[in-house]
Amino acid sequence: MPRATSRVVVNAERPATVPVKPMGSVPVIVHVVWSDGAEEWRPARAIRWTSTHVMVGWPEGDGRAERHDERWEWLRAQDVMRSVRWLVPPQRA
C-alpha cells in the first residue's frame, strides 16, 4: 500500500521491453520531477537498463531505510548520470 506521503514521479517512463533480471548495482545520480512541480537530483542505484531507460532505486524518507523501503522507478536514460560536471562552482572573491 502506498504511503500517504508518497509523491508521483512524473518523469517516470517504462520502456517497451523490460529486462527481467537485475543487471548490476551501479551508483548513479538521477533527475526526479515530482507531481507537485518540485525537481531534484538525488543519489540512487541503477539495477536494470536498456539503451533508452534505466530502473533506479533510492531510499524513501530520510535515507536510512532498508532495501525493502526503496522506491523503484524507470527513468529515461537522459535523467540518469554516473557523474556531473556542470554544477556551478562557488564564486571566488
Protein backbone atom coordinates (compact mmCIF):
# COMPACT_ATOMS: atom_id res chain seq x y z
CA MET A 1 0.00 0.00 0.00
CA PRO A 2 1.48 3.41 -0.94
CA ARG A 3 2.34 5.78 1.86
CA ALA A 4 0.19 8.86 2.28
CA THR A 5 3.29 11.00 1.81
CA SER A 6 4.26 9.35 -1.49
CA ARG A 7 4.51 11.67 -4.45
CA VAL A 8 4.25 10.68 -8.08
CA VAL A 9 7.37 10.83 -10.25
CA VAL A 10 6.09 12.49 -13.42
CA ASN A 11 9.23 11.82 -15.47
CA ALA A 12 9.00 8.07 -14.83
CA GLU A 13 8.60 6.08 -18.04
CA ARG A 14 8.61 2.31 -18.53
CA PRO A 15 10.46 1.05 -21.63
CA ALA A 16 8.67 -1.06 -24.23
CA THR A 17 10.89 -4.05 -23.40
CA VAL A 18 11.93 -4.65 -19.79
CA PRO A 19 14.98 -6.73 -18.77
CA VAL A 20 13.74 -9.48 -16.43
CA LYS A 21 16.82 -9.98 -14.26
CA PRO A 22 18.88 -7.38 -12.39
CA MET A 23 21.99 -6.38 -14.34
CA GLY A 24 24.10 -4.87 -11.55
CA SER A 25 24.01 -2.25 -8.83
CA VAL A 26 25.57 0.92 -10.19
CA PRO A 27 25.69 4.15 -8.13
CA VAL A 28 24.05 6.96 -10.12
CA ILE A 29 22.58 10.45 -9.77
CA VAL A 30 19.02 10.82 -11.02
CA HIS A 31 16.90 13.78 -12.06
CA VAL A 32 13.44 13.41 -10.50
CA VAL A 33 10.43 15.58 -11.38
CA TRP A 34 7.61 15.30 -8.83
CA SER A 35 3.88 15.76 -9.37
CA ASP A 36 3.89 18.84 -7.11
CA GLY A 37 6.31 20.56 -9.54
CA ALA A 38 9.44 20.06 -7.44
CA GLU A 39 12.62 18.83 -9.16
CA GLU A 40 15.66 17.31 -7.56
CA TRP A 41 18.87 15.43 -8.28
CA ARG A 42 19.36 12.54 -5.89
CA PRO A 43 21.71 9.58 -5.41
CA ALA A 44 20.30 6.22 -6.47
CA ARG A 45 21.27 2.75 -7.70
CA ALA A 46 20.71 1.50 -11.24
CA ILE A 47 19.86 -2.21 -11.41
CA ARG A 48 18.41 -2.68 -14.93
CA TRP A 49 18.77 -0.76 -18.15
CA THR A 50 18.07 -0.63 -21.85
CA SER A 51 19.55 1.72 -24.44
CA THR A 52 16.84 4.27 -23.57
CA HIS A 53 15.75 3.67 -19.95
CA VAL A 54 17.19 2.81 -16.53
CA MET A 55 15.50 1.24 -13.50
CA VAL A 56 16.72 3.09 -10.41
CA GLY A 57 16.03 2.84 -6.70
CA TRP A 58 16.57 5.16 -3.77
CA PRO A 59 15.59 5.04 -0.09
CA GLU A 60 12.24 6.53 0.83
CA GLY A 61 12.15 9.07 3.62
CA ASP A 62 15.30 10.18 5.41
CA GLY A 63 17.74 7.94 3.52
CA ARG A 64 18.31 5.47 6.37
CA ALA A 65 15.76 2.97 5.05
CA GLU A 66 16.37 -0.70 4.42
CA ARG A 67 16.42 -2.02 0.86
CA HIS A 68 12.76 -3.10 1.07
CA ASP A 69 11.86 0.57 1.71
CA GLU A 70 13.44 1.74 -1.53
CA ARG A 71 11.41 3.41 -4.22
CA TRP A 72 11.90 1.88 -7.71
CA GLU A 73 11.23 3.79 -10.90
CA TRP A 74 12.06 3.53 -14.59
CA LEU A 75 13.53 6.79 -15.88
CA ARG A 76 14.71 7.84 -19.31
CA ALA A 77 18.47 7.37 -19.67
CA GLN A 78 18.92 11.14 -20.07
CA ASP A 79 17.73 11.57 -16.45
CA VAL A 80 20.35 9.16 -15.06
CA MET A 81 24.05 10.04 -14.71
CA ARG A 82 27.18 8.49 -13.23
CA SER A 83 28.69 11.92 -12.52
CA VAL A 84 28.04 15.58 -13.25
CA ARG A 85 30.43 18.30 -14.36
CA TRP A 86 28.02 21.13 -14.96
CA LEU A 87 27.48 22.22 -11.37
CA VAL A 88 28.27 25.87 -10.86
CA PRO A 89 31.25 26.33 -8.53
CA PRO A 90 31.10 28.96 -5.77
CA GLN A 91 32.32 32.42 -6.77
CA ARG A 92 35.75 33.35 -5.50
CA ALA A 93 36.48 36.78 -4.11
